[in-house]
């Protein structure tokens, strides 16, 4: 991959990652509840799923998956159901459950947050379709594919980790201004509504013909 091609891909990665989606909402939700350092475990889960999705595309399985209506819809509706589940959990969260930094240290479950991020990303078939459409445009078929896909995976994950860190940090900073139960309740329900919105958008995604 030449430098100019990589720079074009690098720029595309920023546009993709900065576009608000379910991953950004999950990152902000985790940052709000656990603070930046603990909430960032969610981002690790997002990146594990992203790496698997890129490997699926690189292996050629992505084309098979997007061609299968059954597989596409199974993944899609699982993703919709999971986002609705997260919305319900966020809506029901009590104001007192928005934790201080000291409480977060004690109560955070890294594996649960990793699993949350992983499920949010892996259950989005649109991501595989998108990666399948974008990545090949930057591939030189005359050269070895493994190094090219590896470089794109590292680039995409690095950019996404930085962007999701920003979303997580932004929500964590909001904690400093949550002084009343009413404010906390409004914020929780706002995040719940965003999860429902993300689920609604995912439900409208259709398999490419």
C-alpha atoms as a PDB file:
ATOM      1  CA  UNK A   1       0.000   0.000   0.000  1.00  0.00           C
ATOM      2  CA  UNK A   2       1.478   3.325  -1.078  1.00  0.00           C
ATOM      3  CA  UNK A   3       1.601   6.301   1.277  1.00  0.00           C
ATOM      4  CA  UNK A   4      -1.025   8.301  -0.618  1.00  0.00           C
ATOM      5  CA  UNK A   5      -3.456   5.357  -0.588  1.00  0.00           C
ATOM      6  CA  UNK A   6      -2.879   4.843   3.138  1.00  0.00           C
ATOM      7  CA  UNK A   7      -3.433   8.551   3.847  1.00  0.00           C
ATOM      8  CA  UNK A   8      -6.739   8.409   1.966  1.00  0.00           C
ATOM      9  CA  UNK A   9      -7.762   5.351   3.994  1.00  0.00           C
ATOM     10  CA  UNK A  10      -6.607   7.059   7.207  1.00  0.00           C
ATOM     11  CA  UNK A  11      -8.843  10.041   6.454  1.00  0.00           C
ATOM     12  CA  UNK A  12     -11.757   7.730   5.668  1.00  0.00           C
ATOM     13  CA  UNK A  13     -11.287   5.990   9.038  1.00  0.00           C
ATOM     14  CA  UNK A  14     -11.742   9.281  10.890  1.00  0.00           C
ATOM     15  CA  UNK A  15     -14.949  10.044   9.004  1.00  0.00           C
ATOM     16  CA  UNK A  16     -16.278   6.541   9.709  1.00  0.00           C
ATOM     17  CA  UNK A  17     -15.401   6.568  13.412  1.00  0.00           C
ATOM     18  CA  UNK A  18     -16.645  10.086  14.088  1.00  0.00           C
ATOM     19  CA  UNK A  19     -20.061   9.261  12.648  1.00  0.00           C
ATOM     20  CA  UNK A  20     -22.288   8.722  15.725  1.00  0.00           C
ATOM     21  CA  UNK A  21     -23.563   5.167  16.041  1.00  0.00           C
ATOM     22  CA  UNK A  22     -24.324   2.430  18.523  1.00  0.00           C
ATOM     23  CA  UNK A  23     -20.639   2.130  19.464  1.00  0.00           C
ATOM     24  CA  UNK A  24     -20.408   5.827  20.320  1.00  0.00           C
ATOM     25  CA  UNK A  25     -23.591   5.630  22.393  1.00  0.00           C
ATOM     26  CA  UNK A  26     -22.311   2.562  24.261  1.00  0.00           C
ATOM     27  CA  UNK A  27     -18.997   4.346  24.909  1.00  0.00           C
ATOM     28  CA  UNK A  28     -20.724   7.418  26.307  1.00  0.00           C
ATOM     29  CA  UNK A  29     -23.017   5.272  28.432  1.00  0.00           C
ATOM     30  CA  UNK A  30     -20.031   3.444  29.947  1.00  0.00           C
ATOM     31  CA  UNK A  31     -18.144   6.691  30.504  1.00  0.00           C
ATOM     32  CA  UNK A  32     -21.152   8.177  32.260  1.00  0.00           C
ATOM     33  CA  UNK A  33     -21.598   5.216  34.579  1.00  0.00           C
ATOM     34  CA  UNK A  34     -17.988   4.283  35.349  1.00  0.00           C
ATOM     35  CA  UNK A  35     -15.806   7.236  34.412  1.00  0.00           C
ATOM     36  CA  UNK A  36     -13.170   7.296  31.680  1.00  0.00           C
ATOM     37  CA  UNK A  37     -10.561   4.742  32.786  1.00  0.00           C
ATOM     38  CA  UNK A  38     -13.052   2.060  33.808  1.00  0.00           C
ATOM     39  CA  UNK A  39     -15.598   2.807  31.082  1.00  0.00           C
ATOM     40  CA  UNK A  40     -12.881   2.427  28.443  1.00  0.00           C
ATOM     41  CA  UNK A  41     -13.105  -1.374  28.794  1.00  0.00           C
ATOM     42  CA  UNK A  42     -16.222  -1.086  26.620  1.00  0.00           C
ATOM     43  CA  UNK A  43     -14.049   0.318  23.812  1.00  0.00           C
ATOM     44  CA  UNK A  44     -11.787  -2.762  23.993  1.00  0.00           C
ATOM     45  CA  UNK A  45     -14.824  -4.929  23.293  1.00  0.00           C
ATOM     46  CA  UNK A  46     -15.790  -2.729  20.352  1.00  0.00           C
ATOM     47  CA  UNK A  47     -12.321  -3.160  18.832  1.00  0.00           C
ATOM     48  CA  UNK A  48     -12.266  -6.955  19.281  1.00  0.00           C
ATOM     49  CA  UNK A  49     -15.508  -7.125  17.316  1.00  0.00           C
ATOM     50  CA  UNK A  50     -14.149  -4.728  14.673  1.00  0.00           C
ATOM     51  CA  UNK A  51     -11.044  -6.876  14.241  1.00  0.00           C
ATOM     52  CA  UNK A  52     -13.203  -9.989  13.756  1.00  0.00           C
ATOM     53  CA  UNK A  53     -15.381  -8.172  11.206  1.00  0.00           C
ATOM     54  CA  UNK A  54     -12.317  -7.128   9.206  1.00  0.00           C
ATOM     55  CA  UNK A  55     -10.974 -10.697   9.331  1.00  0.00           C
ATOM     56  CA  UNK A  56     -14.348 -11.973   8.088  1.00  0.00           C
ATOM     57  CA  UNK A  57     -14.171  -9.602   5.126  1.00  0.00           C
ATOM     58  CA  UNK A  58     -10.508 -10.408   4.455  1.00  0.00           C
ATOM     59  CA  UNK A  59     -11.297 -14.142   4.448  1.00  0.00           C
ATOM     60  CA  UNK A  60     -14.071 -13.642   1.921  1.00  0.00           C
ATOM     61  CA  UNK A  61     -16.747 -14.798   4.335  1.00  0.00           C
ATOM     62  CA  UNK A  62     -18.242 -11.315   4.362  1.00  0.00           C
ATOM     63  CA  UNK A  63     -19.450 -11.699   0.785  1.00  0.00           C
ATOM     64  CA  UNK A  64     -21.133 -14.993   1.657  1.00  0.00           C
ATOM     65  CA  UNK A  65     -22.709 -13.503   4.776  1.00  0.00           C
ATOM     66  CA  UNK A  66     -24.119 -10.473   2.998  1.00  0.00           C
ATOM     67  CA  UNK A  67     -25.513 -12.754   0.281  1.00  0.00           C
ATOM     68  CA  UNK A  68     -27.453 -14.798   2.851  1.00  0.00           C
ATOM     69  CA  UNK A  69     -30.734 -13.153   3.804  1.00  0.00           C
ATOM     70  CA  UNK A  70     -31.209 -15.502   6.762  1.00  0.00           C
ATOM     71  CA  UNK A  71     -27.758 -14.897   8.265  1.00  0.00           C
ATOM     72  CA  UNK A  72     -28.034 -11.142   7.689  1.00  0.00           C
ATOM     73  CA  UNK A  73     -31.441 -10.896   9.362  1.00  0.00           C
ATOM     74  CA  UNK A  74     -30.485 -13.123  12.289  1.00  0.00           C
ATOM     75  CA  UNK A  75     -27.527 -10.874  13.102  1.00  0.00           C
ATOM     76  CA  UNK A  76     -29.535  -7.707  12.496  1.00  0.00           C
ATOM     77  CA  UNK A  77     -32.462  -8.597  14.737  1.00  0.00           C
ATOM     78  CA  UNK A  78     -30.154  -9.858  17.467  1.00  0.00           C
ATOM     79  CA  UNK A  79     -28.475  -6.467  17.338  1.00  0.00           C
ATOM     80  CA  UNK A  80     -31.828  -4.651  17.491  1.00  0.00           C
ATOM     81  CA  UNK A  81     -32.920  -6.752  20.493  1.00  0.00           C
ATOM     82  CA  UNK A  82     -29.633  -6.142  22.303  1.00  0.00           C
ATOM     83  CA  UNK A  83     -29.789  -2.379  21.801  1.00  0.00           C
ATOM     84  CA  UNK A  84     -33.378  -2.351  23.101  1.00  0.00           C
ATOM     85  CA  UNK A  85     -32.185  -4.349  26.120  1.00  0.00           C
ATOM     86  CA  UNK A  86     -29.473  -1.749  26.772  1.00  0.00           C
ATOM     87  CA  UNK A  87     -32.097   1.001  26.426  1.00  0.00           C
ATOM     88  CA  UNK A  88     -34.323  -0.626  29.049  1.00  0.00           C
ATOM     89  CA  UNK A  89     -31.373  -1.079  31.413  1.00  0.00           C
ATOM     90  CA  UNK A  90     -30.346   2.556  30.957  1.00  0.00           C
ATOM     91  CA  UNK A  91     -33.915   3.827  31.429  1.00  0.00           C
ATOM     92  CA  UNK A  92     -34.337   1.841  34.658  1.00  0.00           C
ATOM     93  CA  UNK A  93     -30.985   2.875  36.115  1.00  0.00           C
ATOM     94  CA  UNK A  94     -31.490   4.805  39.326  1.00  0.00           C
ATOM     95  CA  UNK A  95     -29.788   8.188  39.800  1.00  0.00           C
ATOM     96  CA  UNK A  96     -27.730   6.825  42.674  1.00  0.00           C
ATOM     97  CA  UNK A  97     -26.270   4.208  40.324  1.00  0.00           C
ATOM     98  CA  UNK A  98     -24.270   6.875  38.488  1.00  0.00           C
ATOM     99  CA  UNK A  99     -21.097   6.267  40.398  1.00  0.00           C
ATOM    100  CA  UNK A 100     -18.258   8.305  41.762  1.00  0.00           C
ATOM    101  CA  UNK A 101     -14.716   7.435  40.715  1.00  0.00           C
ATOM    102  CA  UNK A 102     -14.189   5.579  44.009  1.00  0.00           C
ATOM    103  CA  UNK A 103     -17.371   3.528  43.584  1.00  0.00           C
ATOM    104  CA  UNK A 104     -16.477   2.688  39.993  1.00  0.00           C
ATOM    105  CA  UNK A 105     -13.134   1.213  41.050  1.00  0.00           C
ATOM    106  CA  UNK A 106     -14.947  -1.176  43.351  1.00  0.00           C
ATOM    107  CA  UNK A 107     -17.929  -2.070  41.158  1.00  0.00           C
ATOM    108  CA  UNK A 108     -16.598  -2.127  37.601  1.00  0.00           C
ATOM    109  CA  UNK A 109     -16.564  -5.496  35.851  1.00  0.00           C
ATOM    110  CA  UNK A 110     -14.074  -5.247  32.950  1.00  0.00           C
ATOM    111  CA  UNK A 111     -15.258  -8.484  31.304  1.00  0.00           C
ATOM    112  CA  UNK A 112     -18.887  -7.340  31.382  1.00  0.00           C
ATOM    113  CA  UNK A 113     -17.954  -4.047  29.728  1.00  0.00           C
ATOM    114  CA  UNK A 114     -15.807  -5.804  27.121  1.00  0.00           C
ATOM    115  CA  UNK A 115     -18.705  -8.160  26.375  1.00  0.00           C
ATOM    116  CA  UNK A 116     -21.083  -5.205  26.092  1.00  0.00           C
ATOM    117  CA  UNK A 117     -18.893  -3.441  23.534  1.00  0.00           C
ATOM    118  CA  UNK A 118     -18.256  -6.665  21.649  1.00  0.00           C
ATOM    119  CA  UNK A 119     -21.964  -7.486  21.328  1.00  0.00           C
ATOM    120  CA  UNK A 120     -22.831  -3.948  20.224  1.00  0.00           C
ATOM    121  CA  UNK A 121     -20.382  -4.107  17.310  1.00  0.00           C
ATOM    122  CA  UNK A 122     -20.519  -7.773  16.320  1.00  0.00           C
ATOM    123  CA  UNK A 123     -24.325  -7.748  16.085  1.00  0.00           C
ATOM    124  CA  UNK A 124     -24.337  -5.042  13.428  1.00  0.00           C
ATOM    125  CA  UNK A 125     -24.366  -6.643   9.958  1.00  0.00           C
ATOM    126  CA  UNK A 126     -24.230  -3.162   8.428  1.00  0.00           C
ATOM    127  CA  UNK A 127     -20.637  -2.938   9.655  1.00  0.00           C
ATOM    128  CA  UNK A 128     -19.602  -6.009   7.671  1.00  0.00           C
ATOM    129  CA  UNK A 129     -21.425  -4.732   4.576  1.00  0.00           C
ATOM    130  CA  UNK A 130     -19.738  -1.359   4.991  1.00  0.00           C
ATOM    131  CA  UNK A 131     -16.272  -2.831   5.503  1.00  0.00           C
ATOM    132  CA  UNK A 132     -16.835  -5.123   2.520  1.00  0.00           C
ATOM    133  CA  UNK A 133     -17.686  -2.081   0.394  1.00  0.00           C
ATOM    134  CA  UNK A 134     -14.893   0.210   1.603  1.00  0.00           C
ATOM    135  CA  UNK A 135     -11.749  -1.854   2.254  1.00  0.00           C
ATOM    136  CA  UNK A 136     -11.356  -3.413  -1.234  1.00  0.00           C
ATOM    137  CA  UNK A 137     -11.196   0.069  -2.749  1.00  0.00           C
ATOM    138  CA  UNK A 138      -7.822   0.572  -1.062  1.00  0.00           C
ATOM    139  CA  UNK A 139      -6.444  -2.869  -1.895  1.00  0.00           C
ATOM    140  CA  UNK A 140      -3.857  -3.442  -4.613  1.00  0.00           C
ATOM    141  CA  UNK A 141      -4.731  -6.937  -5.926  1.00  0.00           C
ATOM    142  CA  UNK A 142      -1.300  -7.254  -7.535  1.00  0.00           C
ATOM    143  CA  UNK A 143       0.357  -7.273  -4.107  1.00  0.00           C
ATOM    144  CA  UNK A 144       0.093  -9.568  -1.107  1.00  0.00           C
ATOM    145  CA  UNK A 145      -3.266  -9.084   0.582  1.00  0.00           C
ATOM    146  CA  UNK A 146      -2.325 -10.075   4.144  1.00  0.00           C
ATOM    147  CA  UNK A 147       0.003  -7.093   4.821  1.00  0.00           C
ATOM    148  CA  UNK A 148      -2.523  -4.700   3.284  1.00  0.00           C
ATOM    149  CA  UNK A 149      -5.459  -5.967   5.335  1.00  0.00           C
ATOM    150  CA  UNK A 150      -3.262  -6.047   8.439  1.00  0.00           C
ATOM    151  CA  UNK A 151      -2.243  -2.419   7.966  1.00  0.00           C
ATOM    152  CA  UNK A 152      -5.848  -1.359   7.410  1.00  0.00           C
ATOM    153  CA  UNK A 153      -6.990  -3.270  10.492  1.00  0.00           C
ATOM    154  CA  UNK A 154      -4.356  -1.611  12.693  1.00  0.00           C
ATOM    155  CA  UNK A 155      -5.174   1.817  11.250  1.00  0.00           C
ATOM    156  CA  UNK A 156      -8.932   1.440  11.601  1.00  0.00           C
ATOM    157  CA  UNK A 157      -8.744   0.126  15.162  1.00  0.00           C
ATOM    158  CA  UNK A 158      -6.237   2.791  16.262  1.00  0.00           C
ATOM    159  CA  UNK A 159      -8.410   5.614  14.927  1.00  0.00           C
ATOM    160  CA  UNK A 160     -11.575   4.119  16.416  1.00  0.00           C
ATOM    161  CA  UNK A 161      -9.928   3.717  19.826  1.00  0.00           C
ATOM    162  CA  UNK A 162      -9.000   7.409  19.817  1.00  0.00           C
ATOM    163  CA  UNK A 163     -12.483   8.515  18.753  1.00  0.00           C
ATOM    164  CA  UNK A 164     -14.254   6.241  21.240  1.00  0.00           C
ATOM    165  CA  UNK A 165     -11.898   7.515  23.945  1.00  0.00           C
ATOM    166  CA  UNK A 166     -13.197  10.987  23.151  1.00  0.00           C
ATOM    167  CA  UNK A 167     -16.825   9.865  23.454  1.00  0.00           C
ATOM    168  CA  UNK A 168     -16.100   8.034  26.722  1.00  0.00           C
ATOM    169  CA  UNK A 169     -14.211  10.996  28.180  1.00  0.00           C
ATOM    170  CA  UNK A 170     -16.934  13.430  27.121  1.00  0.00           C
ATOM    171  CA  UNK A 171     -19.570  11.469  29.040  1.00  0.00           C
ATOM    172  CA  UNK A 172     -17.270  10.964  32.033  1.00  0.00           C
ATOM    173  CA  UNK A 173     -16.773  14.730  32.305  1.00  0.00           C
ATOM    174  CA  UNK A 174     -20.549  15.165  32.432  1.00  0.00           C
ATOM    175  CA  UNK A 175     -20.452  13.339  35.782  1.00  0.00           C
ATOM    176  CA  UNK A 176     -18.919  16.437  37.347  1.00  0.00           C
ATOM    177  CA  UNK A 177     -22.068  18.431  36.607  1.00  0.00           C
ATOM    178  CA  UNK A 178     -24.673  15.888  37.719  1.00  0.00           C
ATOM    179  CA  UNK A 179     -25.724  17.303  41.068  1.00  0.00           C
ATOM    180  CA  UNK A 180     -29.364  16.276  41.397  1.00  0.00           C
ATOM    181  CA  UNK A 181     -31.295  12.998  40.900  1.00  0.00           C
ATOM    182  CA  UNK A 182     -33.485  14.775  38.331  1.00  0.00           C
ATOM    183  CA  UNK A 183     -30.472  15.685  36.184  1.00  0.00           C
ATOM    184  CA  UNK A 184     -29.174  12.123  36.374  1.00  0.00           C
ATOM    185  CA  UNK A 185     -32.588  10.700  35.485  1.00  0.00           C
ATOM    186  CA  UNK A 186     -32.898  12.961  32.442  1.00  0.00           C
ATOM    187  CA  UNK A 187     -29.433  11.942  31.217  1.00  0.00           C
ATOM    188  CA  UNK A 188     -30.121   8.228  31.728  1.00  0.00           C
ATOM    189  CA  UNK A 189     -33.359   8.478  29.759  1.00  0.00           C
ATOM    190  CA  UNK A 190     -31.646  10.480  27.047  1.00  0.00           C
ATOM    191  CA  UNK A 191     -29.128   7.670  26.590  1.00  0.00           C
ATOM    192  CA  UNK A 192     -31.946   5.115  26.644  1.00  0.00           C
ATOM    193  CA  UNK A 193     -33.674   7.056  23.861  1.00  0.00           C
ATOM    194  CA  UNK A 194     -30.430   7.091  21.845  1.00  0.00           C
ATOM    195  CA  UNK A 195     -30.145   3.304  22.182  1.00  0.00           C
ATOM    196  CA  UNK A 196     -33.742   2.979  20.919  1.00  0.00           C
ATOM    197  CA  UNK A 197     -32.882   5.307  18.031  1.00  0.00           C
ATOM    198  CA  UNK A 198     -29.847   3.209  17.133  1.00  0.00           C
ATOM    199  CA  UNK A 199     -31.999   0.060  17.272  1.00  0.00           C
ATOM    200  CA  UNK A 200     -34.596   1.682  15.006  1.00  0.00           C
ATOM    201  CA  UNK A 201     -31.967   2.659  12.441  1.00  0.00           C
ATOM    202  CA  UNK A 202     -30.480  -0.850  12.518  1.00  0.00           C
ATOM    203  CA  UNK A 203     -33.936  -2.374  11.959  1.00  0.00           C
ATOM    204  CA  UNK A 204     -34.224  -0.366   8.722  1.00  0.00           C
ATOM    205  CA  UNK A 205     -30.983  -1.748   7.279  1.00  0.00           C
ATOM    206  CA  UNK A 206     -31.561  -4.095   4.355  1.00  0.00           C
ATOM    207  CA  UNK A 207     -29.228  -6.591   2.725  1.00  0.00           C
ATOM    208  CA  UNK A 208     -27.657  -5.405  -0.521  1.00  0.00           C
ATOM    209  CA  UNK A 209     -29.091  -7.187  -3.502  1.00  0.00           C
END
